[in-house]
N, C-alpha and C. Protein backbone atom coordinates (compact mmCIF):
# COMPACT_ATOMS: atom_id res chain seq x y z
N MET A 1 -57.49 -73.44 -8.77
CA MET A 1 -57.52 -72.95 -7.41
C MET A 1 -56.30 -72.07 -7.11
N LYS A 2 -55.13 -72.50 -7.65
CA LYS A 2 -53.92 -71.71 -7.46
C LYS A 2 -54.09 -70.31 -8.03
N ASN A 3 -54.70 -70.23 -9.21
CA ASN A 3 -54.90 -68.94 -9.86
C ASN A 3 -55.84 -68.06 -9.06
N LEU A 4 -56.88 -68.65 -8.49
CA LEU A 4 -57.82 -67.88 -7.67
C LEU A 4 -57.11 -67.31 -6.44
N PHE A 5 -56.28 -68.12 -5.79
CA PHE A 5 -55.52 -67.66 -4.63
C PHE A 5 -54.57 -66.52 -5.03
N LEU A 6 -53.89 -66.66 -6.16
CA LEU A 6 -52.98 -65.62 -6.64
C LEU A 6 -53.73 -64.33 -6.93
N ILE A 7 -54.88 -64.43 -7.56
CA ILE A 7 -55.67 -63.24 -7.89
C ILE A 7 -56.15 -62.56 -6.61
N LEU A 8 -56.64 -63.32 -5.66
CA LEU A 8 -57.09 -62.74 -4.39
C LEU A 8 -55.94 -62.08 -3.63
N THR A 9 -54.77 -62.70 -3.65
CA THR A 9 -53.60 -62.12 -3.00
C THR A 9 -53.23 -60.79 -3.65
N LEU A 10 -53.20 -60.76 -4.98
CA LEU A 10 -52.87 -59.53 -5.69
C LEU A 10 -53.90 -58.43 -5.43
N LEU A 11 -55.17 -58.79 -5.41
CA LEU A 11 -56.22 -57.81 -5.13
C LEU A 11 -56.09 -57.26 -3.72
N TYR A 12 -55.81 -58.13 -2.75
CA TYR A 12 -55.63 -57.67 -1.38
C TYR A 12 -54.44 -56.73 -1.28
N TYR A 13 -53.33 -57.10 -1.91
CA TYR A 13 -52.13 -56.26 -1.87
C TYR A 13 -52.40 -54.90 -2.52
N ALA A 14 -53.06 -54.90 -3.66
CA ALA A 14 -53.37 -53.63 -4.35
C ALA A 14 -54.29 -52.77 -3.49
N HIS A 15 -55.27 -53.38 -2.84
CA HIS A 15 -56.20 -52.63 -1.98
C HIS A 15 -55.47 -52.07 -0.76
N SER A 16 -54.64 -52.88 -0.10
CA SER A 16 -53.96 -52.39 1.11
C SER A 16 -52.93 -51.32 0.77
N THR A 17 -52.27 -51.41 -0.38
CA THR A 17 -51.31 -50.40 -0.79
C THR A 17 -52.03 -49.09 -1.08
N ALA A 18 -53.17 -49.15 -1.73
CA ALA A 18 -53.94 -47.94 -2.05
C ALA A 18 -54.37 -47.23 -0.77
N GLN A 19 -54.73 -47.97 0.26
CA GLN A 19 -55.15 -47.34 1.52
C GLN A 19 -53.98 -46.70 2.25
N GLN A 20 -52.78 -47.15 1.99
CA GLN A 20 -51.62 -46.64 2.70
C GLN A 20 -51.06 -45.37 2.06
N THR A 21 -51.42 -45.10 0.81
CA THR A 21 -50.97 -43.90 0.13
C THR A 21 -52.08 -42.87 0.17
N VAL A 22 -51.76 -41.68 0.67
CA VAL A 22 -52.74 -40.60 0.83
C VAL A 22 -52.18 -39.36 0.14
N SER A 23 -53.04 -38.57 -0.44
CA SER A 23 -52.58 -37.37 -1.16
C SER A 23 -52.24 -36.24 -0.19
N LEU A 24 -51.38 -35.34 -0.65
CA LEU A 24 -51.07 -34.13 0.12
C LEU A 24 -52.34 -33.34 0.41
N GLU A 25 -53.25 -33.29 -0.56
CA GLU A 25 -54.50 -32.56 -0.40
C GLU A 25 -55.33 -33.12 0.75
N THR A 26 -55.39 -34.45 0.84
CA THR A 26 -56.17 -35.09 1.91
C THR A 26 -55.60 -34.73 3.28
N ILE A 27 -54.29 -34.82 3.42
CA ILE A 27 -53.66 -34.50 4.70
C ILE A 27 -53.82 -33.02 5.03
N ALA A 28 -53.70 -32.15 4.03
CA ALA A 28 -53.86 -30.71 4.28
C ALA A 28 -55.28 -30.39 4.72
N SER A 29 -56.27 -31.07 4.16
CA SER A 29 -57.66 -30.76 4.50
C SER A 29 -58.02 -31.18 5.92
N CYS A 30 -57.33 -32.15 6.47
CA CYS A 30 -57.65 -32.58 7.84
C CYS A 30 -56.63 -32.05 8.84
N ARG A 31 -55.78 -31.14 8.41
CA ARG A 31 -54.71 -30.60 9.26
C ARG A 31 -55.23 -29.96 10.55
N SER A 32 -56.36 -29.27 10.47
CA SER A 32 -56.89 -28.60 11.66
C SER A 32 -57.57 -29.58 12.62
N ASN A 33 -57.85 -30.78 12.15
CA ASN A 33 -58.47 -31.80 12.99
C ASN A 33 -57.79 -33.14 12.72
N PRO A 34 -56.58 -33.35 13.26
CA PRO A 34 -55.77 -34.52 12.92
C PRO A 34 -56.44 -35.87 13.17
N GLU A 35 -57.41 -35.91 14.08
CA GLU A 35 -58.09 -37.19 14.35
C GLU A 35 -58.86 -37.68 13.13
N THR A 36 -59.19 -36.78 12.21
CA THR A 36 -59.94 -37.17 11.01
C THR A 36 -59.03 -37.59 9.86
N CYS A 37 -57.72 -37.45 10.03
CA CYS A 37 -56.78 -37.82 8.97
C CYS A 37 -56.70 -39.34 8.85
N PRO A 38 -56.69 -39.85 7.63
CA PRO A 38 -56.55 -41.30 7.46
C PRO A 38 -55.13 -41.74 7.79
N ASP A 39 -55.01 -43.00 8.18
CA ASP A 39 -53.68 -43.57 8.40
C ASP A 39 -52.98 -43.66 7.06
N ALA A 40 -51.72 -43.32 7.06
CA ALA A 40 -50.97 -43.35 5.81
C ALA A 40 -49.55 -43.82 6.07
N GLN A 41 -49.01 -44.50 5.10
CA GLN A 41 -47.59 -44.84 5.13
C GLN A 41 -46.83 -43.96 4.15
N TYR A 42 -47.58 -43.32 3.21
CA TYR A 42 -46.96 -42.47 2.20
C TYR A 42 -47.92 -41.35 1.85
N VAL A 43 -47.47 -40.10 2.04
CA VAL A 43 -48.25 -38.92 1.65
C VAL A 43 -47.65 -38.44 0.33
N LYS A 44 -48.42 -38.64 -0.74
CA LYS A 44 -47.91 -38.47 -2.10
C LYS A 44 -48.50 -37.23 -2.77
N ASP A 45 -47.67 -36.59 -3.56
CA ASP A 45 -48.10 -35.44 -4.37
C ASP A 45 -48.73 -35.97 -5.66
N VAL A 46 -49.91 -36.57 -5.54
CA VAL A 46 -50.54 -37.24 -6.68
C VAL A 46 -50.93 -36.27 -7.80
N ASN A 47 -51.19 -35.03 -7.48
CA ASN A 47 -51.60 -34.05 -8.49
C ASN A 47 -50.50 -33.05 -8.83
N ASN A 48 -49.27 -33.36 -8.42
CA ASN A 48 -48.09 -32.54 -8.75
C ASN A 48 -48.23 -31.08 -8.32
N LEU A 49 -48.80 -30.84 -7.14
CA LEU A 49 -48.93 -29.48 -6.62
C LEU A 49 -47.59 -28.85 -6.28
N LEU A 50 -46.61 -29.66 -5.94
CA LEU A 50 -45.30 -29.13 -5.54
C LEU A 50 -44.47 -28.66 -6.74
N ASN A 51 -44.77 -29.17 -7.92
CA ASN A 51 -43.95 -28.89 -9.09
C ASN A 51 -43.84 -27.40 -9.41
N LYS A 52 -44.88 -26.65 -9.14
CA LYS A 52 -44.85 -25.22 -9.49
C LYS A 52 -43.83 -24.43 -8.65
N TYR A 53 -43.40 -24.98 -7.52
CA TYR A 53 -42.43 -24.30 -6.65
C TYR A 53 -40.98 -24.65 -7.01
N VAL A 54 -40.78 -25.72 -7.75
CA VAL A 54 -39.44 -26.21 -8.04
C VAL A 54 -38.67 -25.23 -8.92
N GLY A 55 -37.42 -24.99 -8.56
CA GLY A 55 -36.55 -24.14 -9.36
C GLY A 55 -35.86 -23.08 -8.53
N ILE A 56 -35.19 -22.18 -9.24
CA ILE A 56 -34.48 -21.08 -8.60
C ILE A 56 -35.34 -19.83 -8.71
N TRP A 57 -35.47 -19.14 -7.57
CA TRP A 57 -36.29 -17.93 -7.47
C TRP A 57 -35.42 -16.82 -6.87
N LYS A 58 -35.53 -15.62 -7.43
CA LYS A 58 -34.74 -14.50 -6.91
C LYS A 58 -35.61 -13.27 -6.70
N GLY A 59 -35.22 -12.49 -5.69
CA GLY A 59 -35.89 -11.23 -5.41
C GLY A 59 -35.06 -10.43 -4.41
N ASN A 60 -35.56 -9.27 -4.02
CA ASN A 60 -34.85 -8.48 -3.02
C ASN A 60 -35.84 -7.78 -2.10
N LEU A 61 -35.34 -7.45 -0.93
CA LEU A 61 -36.12 -6.75 0.08
C LEU A 61 -35.15 -5.96 0.94
N ASP A 62 -35.46 -4.70 1.15
CA ASP A 62 -34.66 -3.83 2.01
C ASP A 62 -33.17 -3.86 1.67
N GLY A 63 -32.84 -3.90 0.39
CA GLY A 63 -31.45 -3.85 -0.04
C GLY A 63 -30.73 -5.19 -0.04
N ASN A 64 -31.37 -6.24 0.41
CA ASN A 64 -30.75 -7.56 0.39
C ASN A 64 -31.32 -8.39 -0.75
N ASN A 65 -30.46 -9.21 -1.34
CA ASN A 65 -30.86 -10.10 -2.43
C ASN A 65 -31.11 -11.48 -1.86
N TYR A 66 -32.23 -12.07 -2.30
CA TYR A 66 -32.64 -13.40 -1.83
C TYR A 66 -32.68 -14.35 -3.02
N GLU A 67 -32.05 -15.50 -2.85
CA GLU A 67 -32.10 -16.54 -3.86
C GLU A 67 -32.55 -17.83 -3.17
N PHE A 68 -33.63 -18.40 -3.66
CA PHE A 68 -34.17 -19.65 -3.12
C PHE A 68 -34.08 -20.71 -4.21
N ASN A 69 -33.71 -21.92 -3.81
CA ASN A 69 -33.71 -23.05 -4.73
C ASN A 69 -34.52 -24.16 -4.09
N PHE A 70 -35.60 -24.55 -4.76
CA PHE A 70 -36.47 -25.61 -4.25
C PHE A 70 -36.40 -26.81 -5.19
N ILE A 71 -36.21 -27.98 -4.60
CA ILE A 71 -36.28 -29.23 -5.35
C ILE A 71 -37.35 -30.10 -4.71
N LYS A 72 -37.91 -30.97 -5.50
CA LYS A 72 -38.94 -31.89 -5.00
C LYS A 72 -38.30 -33.25 -4.76
N LYS A 73 -38.54 -33.78 -3.58
CA LYS A 73 -38.07 -35.12 -3.24
C LYS A 73 -39.30 -35.98 -2.98
N GLU A 74 -39.26 -37.19 -3.47
CA GLU A 74 -40.39 -38.10 -3.30
C GLU A 74 -40.04 -39.22 -2.33
N ASN A 75 -41.07 -39.61 -1.57
CA ASN A 75 -40.98 -40.80 -0.73
C ASN A 75 -39.85 -40.72 0.29
N VAL A 76 -39.77 -39.60 1.02
CA VAL A 76 -38.72 -39.41 2.02
C VAL A 76 -39.32 -39.35 3.43
N GLU A 77 -38.56 -39.80 4.40
CA GLU A 77 -39.02 -39.74 5.80
C GLU A 77 -38.88 -38.32 6.32
N ARG A 78 -39.81 -37.95 7.20
CA ARG A 78 -39.75 -36.62 7.82
C ARG A 78 -38.88 -36.60 9.05
N GLY A 79 -38.47 -37.75 9.54
CA GLY A 79 -37.52 -37.80 10.64
C GLY A 79 -38.11 -38.12 11.99
N PHE A 80 -39.39 -37.81 12.22
CA PHE A 80 -39.95 -38.07 13.54
C PHE A 80 -41.02 -39.17 13.51
N ASP A 81 -41.30 -39.72 12.35
CA ASP A 81 -42.19 -40.87 12.23
C ASP A 81 -41.77 -41.68 11.01
N SER A 82 -42.44 -42.78 10.77
CA SER A 82 -42.05 -43.65 9.65
C SER A 82 -42.82 -43.35 8.38
N ILE A 83 -43.67 -42.34 8.41
CA ILE A 83 -44.45 -41.99 7.22
C ILE A 83 -43.53 -41.32 6.20
N LYS A 84 -43.64 -41.75 4.95
CA LYS A 84 -42.86 -41.15 3.86
C LYS A 84 -43.72 -40.04 3.23
N TRP A 85 -43.05 -38.99 2.76
CA TRP A 85 -43.73 -37.83 2.18
C TRP A 85 -43.05 -37.41 0.89
N ASP A 86 -43.83 -36.82 -0.01
CA ASP A 86 -43.28 -36.03 -1.10
C ASP A 86 -43.20 -34.62 -0.54
N ARG A 87 -42.05 -33.98 -0.68
CA ARG A 87 -41.88 -32.66 -0.06
C ARG A 87 -40.83 -31.85 -0.80
N LEU A 88 -40.85 -30.56 -0.53
CA LEU A 88 -39.84 -29.67 -1.08
C LEU A 88 -38.65 -29.61 -0.14
N ILE A 89 -37.47 -29.50 -0.73
CA ILE A 89 -36.25 -29.21 0.01
C ILE A 89 -35.79 -27.85 -0.51
N GLY A 90 -35.59 -26.91 0.40
CA GLY A 90 -35.25 -25.56 -0.02
C GLY A 90 -33.92 -25.08 0.54
N ARG A 91 -33.26 -24.30 -0.26
CA ARG A 91 -32.01 -23.68 0.17
C ARG A 91 -32.09 -22.19 -0.10
N VAL A 92 -31.37 -21.41 0.72
CA VAL A 92 -31.46 -19.96 0.66
C VAL A 92 -30.06 -19.35 0.65
N LYS A 93 -29.90 -18.32 -0.15
CA LYS A 93 -28.69 -17.51 -0.11
C LYS A 93 -29.13 -16.05 -0.04
N ILE A 94 -28.62 -15.34 0.96
CA ILE A 94 -28.96 -13.94 1.14
C ILE A 94 -27.66 -13.14 1.06
N THR A 95 -27.65 -12.14 0.19
CA THR A 95 -26.48 -11.27 0.06
C THR A 95 -26.91 -9.82 0.23
N SER A 96 -25.96 -9.01 0.69
CA SER A 96 -26.22 -7.57 0.83
C SER A 96 -26.02 -6.91 -0.53
N GLN A 97 -26.33 -5.60 -0.60
CA GLN A 97 -26.15 -4.84 -1.83
C GLN A 97 -24.72 -4.87 -2.34
N ASN A 98 -23.76 -4.89 -1.42
CA ASN A 98 -22.36 -4.90 -1.83
C ASN A 98 -21.83 -6.31 -2.11
N GLY A 99 -22.71 -7.32 -2.04
CA GLY A 99 -22.33 -8.68 -2.41
C GLY A 99 -21.86 -9.56 -1.28
N SER A 100 -21.77 -9.03 -0.08
CA SER A 100 -21.32 -9.89 1.03
C SER A 100 -22.44 -10.88 1.40
N ILE A 101 -22.04 -12.09 1.72
CA ILE A 101 -22.99 -13.16 2.02
C ILE A 101 -23.45 -13.02 3.47
N LEU A 102 -24.76 -12.89 3.65
CA LEU A 102 -25.35 -12.79 4.98
C LEU A 102 -25.82 -14.15 5.50
N PHE A 103 -26.22 -15.00 4.57
CA PHE A 103 -26.69 -16.35 4.93
C PHE A 103 -26.60 -17.20 3.67
N ASN A 104 -26.15 -18.45 3.85
CA ASN A 104 -26.07 -19.35 2.70
C ASN A 104 -26.11 -20.78 3.19
N ASN A 105 -27.14 -21.52 2.79
CA ASN A 105 -27.17 -22.95 3.13
C ASN A 105 -27.27 -23.80 1.85
N PHE A 106 -26.79 -23.27 0.73
CA PHE A 106 -26.80 -24.00 -0.53
C PHE A 106 -25.93 -25.26 -0.46
N ASN A 107 -24.91 -25.28 0.38
CA ASN A 107 -24.02 -26.44 0.44
C ASN A 107 -24.43 -27.45 1.51
N LYS A 108 -25.55 -27.24 2.17
CA LYS A 108 -26.01 -28.16 3.22
C LYS A 108 -26.63 -29.41 2.59
N PRO A 109 -26.48 -30.56 3.24
CA PRO A 109 -27.17 -31.76 2.75
C PRO A 109 -28.69 -31.60 2.92
N ASP A 110 -29.44 -32.41 2.22
CA ASP A 110 -30.90 -32.30 2.24
C ASP A 110 -31.49 -32.29 3.64
N ASN A 111 -30.97 -33.14 4.52
CA ASN A 111 -31.55 -33.23 5.86
C ASN A 111 -31.19 -32.04 6.75
N LYS A 112 -30.29 -31.16 6.29
CA LYS A 112 -29.94 -29.95 7.05
C LYS A 112 -30.45 -28.68 6.35
N ALA A 113 -31.13 -28.86 5.23
CA ALA A 113 -31.67 -27.72 4.49
C ALA A 113 -33.05 -27.38 5.06
N ASN A 114 -33.77 -26.51 4.38
CA ASN A 114 -35.12 -26.13 4.79
C ASN A 114 -36.09 -27.17 4.22
N LEU A 115 -36.83 -27.81 5.10
CA LEU A 115 -37.65 -28.94 4.70
C LEU A 115 -39.12 -28.56 4.60
N GLY A 116 -39.73 -28.95 3.50
CA GLY A 116 -41.15 -28.70 3.30
C GLY A 116 -41.98 -29.45 4.31
N ASP A 117 -43.06 -28.85 4.73
CA ASP A 117 -43.96 -29.47 5.70
C ASP A 117 -45.22 -29.94 5.01
N ASN A 118 -46.09 -29.03 4.62
CA ASN A 118 -47.31 -29.38 3.90
C ASN A 118 -48.03 -28.10 3.52
N PHE A 119 -49.13 -28.27 2.82
CA PHE A 119 -49.96 -27.13 2.44
C PHE A 119 -50.86 -26.72 3.60
N GLN A 120 -51.25 -25.45 3.60
CA GLN A 120 -52.35 -25.06 4.47
C GLN A 120 -53.60 -25.69 3.89
N ASN A 121 -54.67 -25.75 4.68
CA ASN A 121 -55.84 -26.50 4.22
C ASN A 121 -56.53 -25.92 3.00
N ASP A 122 -56.26 -24.65 2.64
CA ASP A 122 -56.85 -24.10 1.41
C ASP A 122 -56.03 -24.44 0.16
N LEU A 123 -54.89 -25.10 0.33
CA LEU A 123 -53.99 -25.54 -0.74
C LEU A 123 -53.38 -24.39 -1.54
N LYS A 124 -53.43 -23.17 -1.03
CA LYS A 124 -52.87 -22.02 -1.73
C LYS A 124 -51.48 -21.66 -1.22
N THR A 125 -51.12 -22.15 -0.06
CA THR A 125 -49.84 -21.81 0.56
C THR A 125 -49.15 -23.08 1.04
N TYR A 126 -47.87 -23.20 0.69
CA TYR A 126 -47.07 -24.34 1.11
C TYR A 126 -46.09 -23.87 2.19
N LEU A 127 -45.97 -24.63 3.26
CA LEU A 127 -45.11 -24.26 4.38
C LEU A 127 -43.80 -25.02 4.33
N VAL A 128 -42.70 -24.29 4.56
CA VAL A 128 -41.37 -24.86 4.61
C VAL A 128 -40.74 -24.46 5.94
N ILE A 129 -40.18 -25.42 6.63
CA ILE A 129 -39.52 -25.14 7.91
C ILE A 129 -38.19 -24.47 7.63
N PHE A 130 -37.94 -23.34 8.30
CA PHE A 130 -36.70 -22.59 8.10
C PHE A 130 -36.00 -22.39 9.43
N SER A 131 -34.68 -22.51 9.42
CA SER A 131 -33.88 -22.21 10.59
C SER A 131 -32.69 -21.38 10.15
N GLY A 132 -32.58 -20.19 10.71
CA GLY A 132 -31.47 -19.29 10.37
C GLY A 132 -30.22 -19.66 11.14
N ASN A 133 -29.25 -18.79 11.09
CA ASN A 133 -27.97 -19.11 11.74
C ASN A 133 -27.74 -18.34 13.02
N LYS A 134 -28.78 -17.76 13.57
CA LYS A 134 -28.62 -16.99 14.80
C LYS A 134 -29.17 -17.79 15.97
N SER A 135 -28.30 -18.18 16.87
CA SER A 135 -28.74 -19.00 17.99
C SER A 135 -29.04 -18.14 19.21
N GLY A 136 -29.87 -18.67 20.08
CA GLY A 136 -30.22 -17.99 21.32
C GLY A 136 -31.46 -17.14 21.22
N CYS A 137 -31.77 -16.63 20.03
CA CYS A 137 -33.00 -15.89 19.79
C CYS A 137 -33.84 -16.68 18.80
N ILE A 138 -35.05 -16.30 18.62
CA ILE A 138 -35.96 -17.07 17.79
C ILE A 138 -35.70 -16.79 16.31
N ASP A 139 -34.99 -17.70 15.65
CA ASP A 139 -34.65 -17.54 14.24
C ASP A 139 -35.05 -18.79 13.45
N SER A 140 -36.11 -19.43 13.90
CA SER A 140 -36.64 -20.57 13.16
C SER A 140 -38.15 -20.46 13.15
N GLY A 141 -38.73 -21.05 12.13
CA GLY A 141 -40.18 -21.01 11.97
C GLY A 141 -40.56 -21.50 10.59
N TYR A 142 -41.58 -20.87 10.01
CA TYR A 142 -42.09 -21.31 8.72
C TYR A 142 -41.98 -20.24 7.66
N LEU A 143 -41.56 -20.66 6.48
CA LEU A 143 -41.66 -19.85 5.28
C LEU A 143 -43.00 -20.21 4.63
N TYR A 144 -43.79 -19.20 4.32
CA TYR A 144 -45.07 -19.40 3.65
C TYR A 144 -44.87 -19.08 2.17
N LEU A 145 -44.93 -20.10 1.32
CA LEU A 145 -44.72 -19.95 -0.12
C LEU A 145 -46.07 -19.87 -0.81
N ARG A 146 -46.21 -18.86 -1.66
CA ARG A 146 -47.51 -18.69 -2.34
C ARG A 146 -47.27 -18.27 -3.79
N ILE A 147 -47.93 -18.97 -4.71
CA ILE A 147 -47.89 -18.65 -6.13
C ILE A 147 -49.33 -18.53 -6.60
N SER A 148 -49.65 -17.41 -7.21
CA SER A 148 -50.99 -17.20 -7.75
C SER A 148 -51.07 -17.89 -9.12
N PRO A 149 -52.18 -18.55 -9.43
CA PRO A 149 -52.32 -19.19 -10.74
C PRO A 149 -52.19 -18.19 -11.90
N GLN A 150 -52.53 -16.93 -11.66
CA GLN A 150 -52.46 -15.91 -12.71
C GLN A 150 -51.01 -15.51 -13.02
N THR A 151 -50.11 -15.69 -12.07
CA THR A 151 -48.70 -15.31 -12.27
C THR A 151 -47.80 -16.47 -11.82
N PRO A 152 -47.72 -17.55 -12.61
CA PRO A 152 -46.99 -18.75 -12.18
C PRO A 152 -45.48 -18.58 -12.05
N ASN A 153 -44.92 -17.48 -12.56
CA ASN A 153 -43.49 -17.25 -12.43
C ASN A 153 -43.16 -16.22 -11.35
N GLN A 154 -44.15 -15.90 -10.52
CA GLN A 154 -43.97 -14.99 -9.39
C GLN A 154 -44.36 -15.72 -8.11
N MET A 155 -43.56 -15.56 -7.08
CA MET A 155 -43.84 -16.18 -5.79
C MET A 155 -43.64 -15.16 -4.69
N THR A 156 -44.45 -15.25 -3.65
CA THR A 156 -44.19 -14.48 -2.44
C THR A 156 -43.81 -15.46 -1.33
N ILE A 157 -42.86 -15.01 -0.51
CA ILE A 157 -42.46 -15.78 0.66
C ILE A 157 -42.55 -14.86 1.86
N THR A 158 -43.17 -15.37 2.91
CA THR A 158 -43.27 -14.65 4.17
C THR A 158 -42.75 -15.56 5.27
N PHE A 159 -41.94 -15.02 6.17
CA PHE A 159 -41.40 -15.79 7.29
C PHE A 159 -42.14 -15.46 8.57
N HIS A 160 -42.56 -16.50 9.29
CA HIS A 160 -43.19 -16.36 10.60
C HIS A 160 -42.44 -17.25 11.59
N PRO A 161 -41.76 -16.64 12.57
CA PRO A 161 -40.98 -17.45 13.52
C PRO A 161 -41.87 -18.24 14.47
N ASP A 162 -41.28 -19.32 14.98
CA ASP A 162 -41.92 -20.10 16.03
C ASP A 162 -41.92 -19.28 17.31
N PHE A 163 -42.81 -19.62 18.18
CA PHE A 163 -42.76 -19.05 19.52
C PHE A 163 -41.97 -20.03 20.36
N ASP A 164 -40.73 -19.69 20.61
CA ASP A 164 -39.81 -20.61 21.26
C ASP A 164 -39.16 -19.92 22.45
N ILE A 165 -38.33 -20.62 23.13
CA ILE A 165 -37.64 -20.09 24.31
C ILE A 165 -36.44 -19.26 23.86
N VAL A 166 -36.35 -18.05 24.40
CA VAL A 166 -35.22 -17.17 24.13
C VAL A 166 -34.20 -17.39 25.24
N THR A 167 -32.92 -17.58 24.85
CA THR A 167 -31.90 -17.90 25.85
C THR A 167 -30.92 -16.76 26.10
N GLN A 168 -31.16 -15.60 25.51
CA GLN A 168 -30.27 -14.46 25.73
C GLN A 168 -31.03 -13.17 25.48
N ASP A 169 -30.37 -12.04 25.69
CA ASP A 169 -30.99 -10.75 25.41
C ASP A 169 -31.13 -10.58 23.90
N CYS A 170 -32.35 -10.46 23.43
CA CYS A 170 -32.62 -10.38 21.99
C CYS A 170 -33.25 -9.03 21.63
N SER A 171 -32.99 -8.01 22.43
CA SER A 171 -33.64 -6.72 22.20
C SER A 171 -33.23 -6.08 20.88
N HIS A 172 -32.05 -6.36 20.36
CA HIS A 172 -31.61 -5.79 19.08
C HIS A 172 -31.52 -6.86 17.99
N PHE A 173 -32.19 -7.96 18.21
CA PHE A 173 -32.13 -9.10 17.31
C PHE A 173 -33.07 -8.92 16.12
N LYS A 174 -32.61 -9.34 14.94
CA LYS A 174 -33.44 -9.41 13.75
C LYS A 174 -33.28 -10.80 13.16
N THR A 175 -34.39 -11.39 12.77
CA THR A 175 -34.35 -12.72 12.18
C THR A 175 -33.59 -12.68 10.85
N THR A 176 -33.04 -13.81 10.45
CA THR A 176 -32.29 -13.92 9.20
C THR A 176 -33.15 -13.48 8.01
N ILE A 177 -34.39 -13.93 7.99
CA ILE A 177 -35.36 -13.48 6.99
C ILE A 177 -36.35 -12.59 7.74
N PRO A 178 -36.60 -11.37 7.26
CA PRO A 178 -37.48 -10.46 7.99
C PRO A 178 -38.84 -11.09 8.31
N THR A 179 -39.29 -10.88 9.53
CA THR A 179 -40.54 -11.46 10.01
C THR A 179 -41.75 -10.74 9.42
N GLY A 180 -42.66 -11.52 8.84
CA GLY A 180 -43.94 -11.00 8.39
C GLY A 180 -43.91 -10.14 7.14
N GLU A 181 -42.75 -9.94 6.53
CA GLU A 181 -42.66 -9.12 5.32
C GLU A 181 -42.65 -10.02 4.10
N LYS A 182 -43.37 -9.60 3.05
CA LYS A 182 -43.39 -10.38 1.82
C LYS A 182 -42.13 -10.12 1.01
N ILE A 183 -41.53 -11.19 0.58
CA ILE A 183 -40.42 -11.11 -0.37
C ILE A 183 -41.00 -11.56 -1.71
N TYR A 184 -40.90 -10.69 -2.71
CA TYR A 184 -41.41 -10.99 -4.04
C TYR A 184 -40.29 -11.59 -4.87
N LEU A 185 -40.54 -12.78 -5.40
CA LEU A 185 -39.52 -13.53 -6.13
C LEU A 185 -39.98 -13.81 -7.56
N THR A 186 -39.00 -13.95 -8.45
CA THR A 186 -39.26 -14.29 -9.83
C THR A 186 -38.51 -15.57 -10.16
N ARG A 187 -39.20 -16.46 -10.87
CA ARG A 187 -38.57 -17.72 -11.31
C ARG A 187 -37.46 -17.41 -12.31
N GLN A 188 -36.32 -18.05 -12.14
CA GLN A 188 -35.17 -17.81 -13.03
C GLN A 188 -35.14 -18.83 -14.16
């Protein structure tokens, strides 16, 4: 009888744990209709979709050099709920042609870096939350990361700012990363 109770307990625990872990793909597919998303305690990269983004990527646009470093972190809190996620942590360094640093968050701790959010529902684009260093104007939003299966060592990144409250005159303002322009990057 003791063995039967132990087996039933283990089966219940295994079943309840399996229901609490949900794949990134599942959450991305129900993103447009959150009521259909299953309850989860852990959103896991079960198929290693994030791995292709990991590493150092470099490119340039309009005379500026861009260096991105993405690492994958597993089982981390997103900060506004208790659900744990597998996600990318990204850092950016932007330099001008003459080498002067325009932006650099390589020395920031993980919770102050650019944090991965999730895939779009087609699973072709991964979104990373970005915040530049210009306050008062809209300099935060999403980086859209895209890698084509045909060119796994090439990535495009496009920045789209949030629609937020502007607190000063921003008529001559430019976002830290150009808005809506593709930056072509190569894996290093």
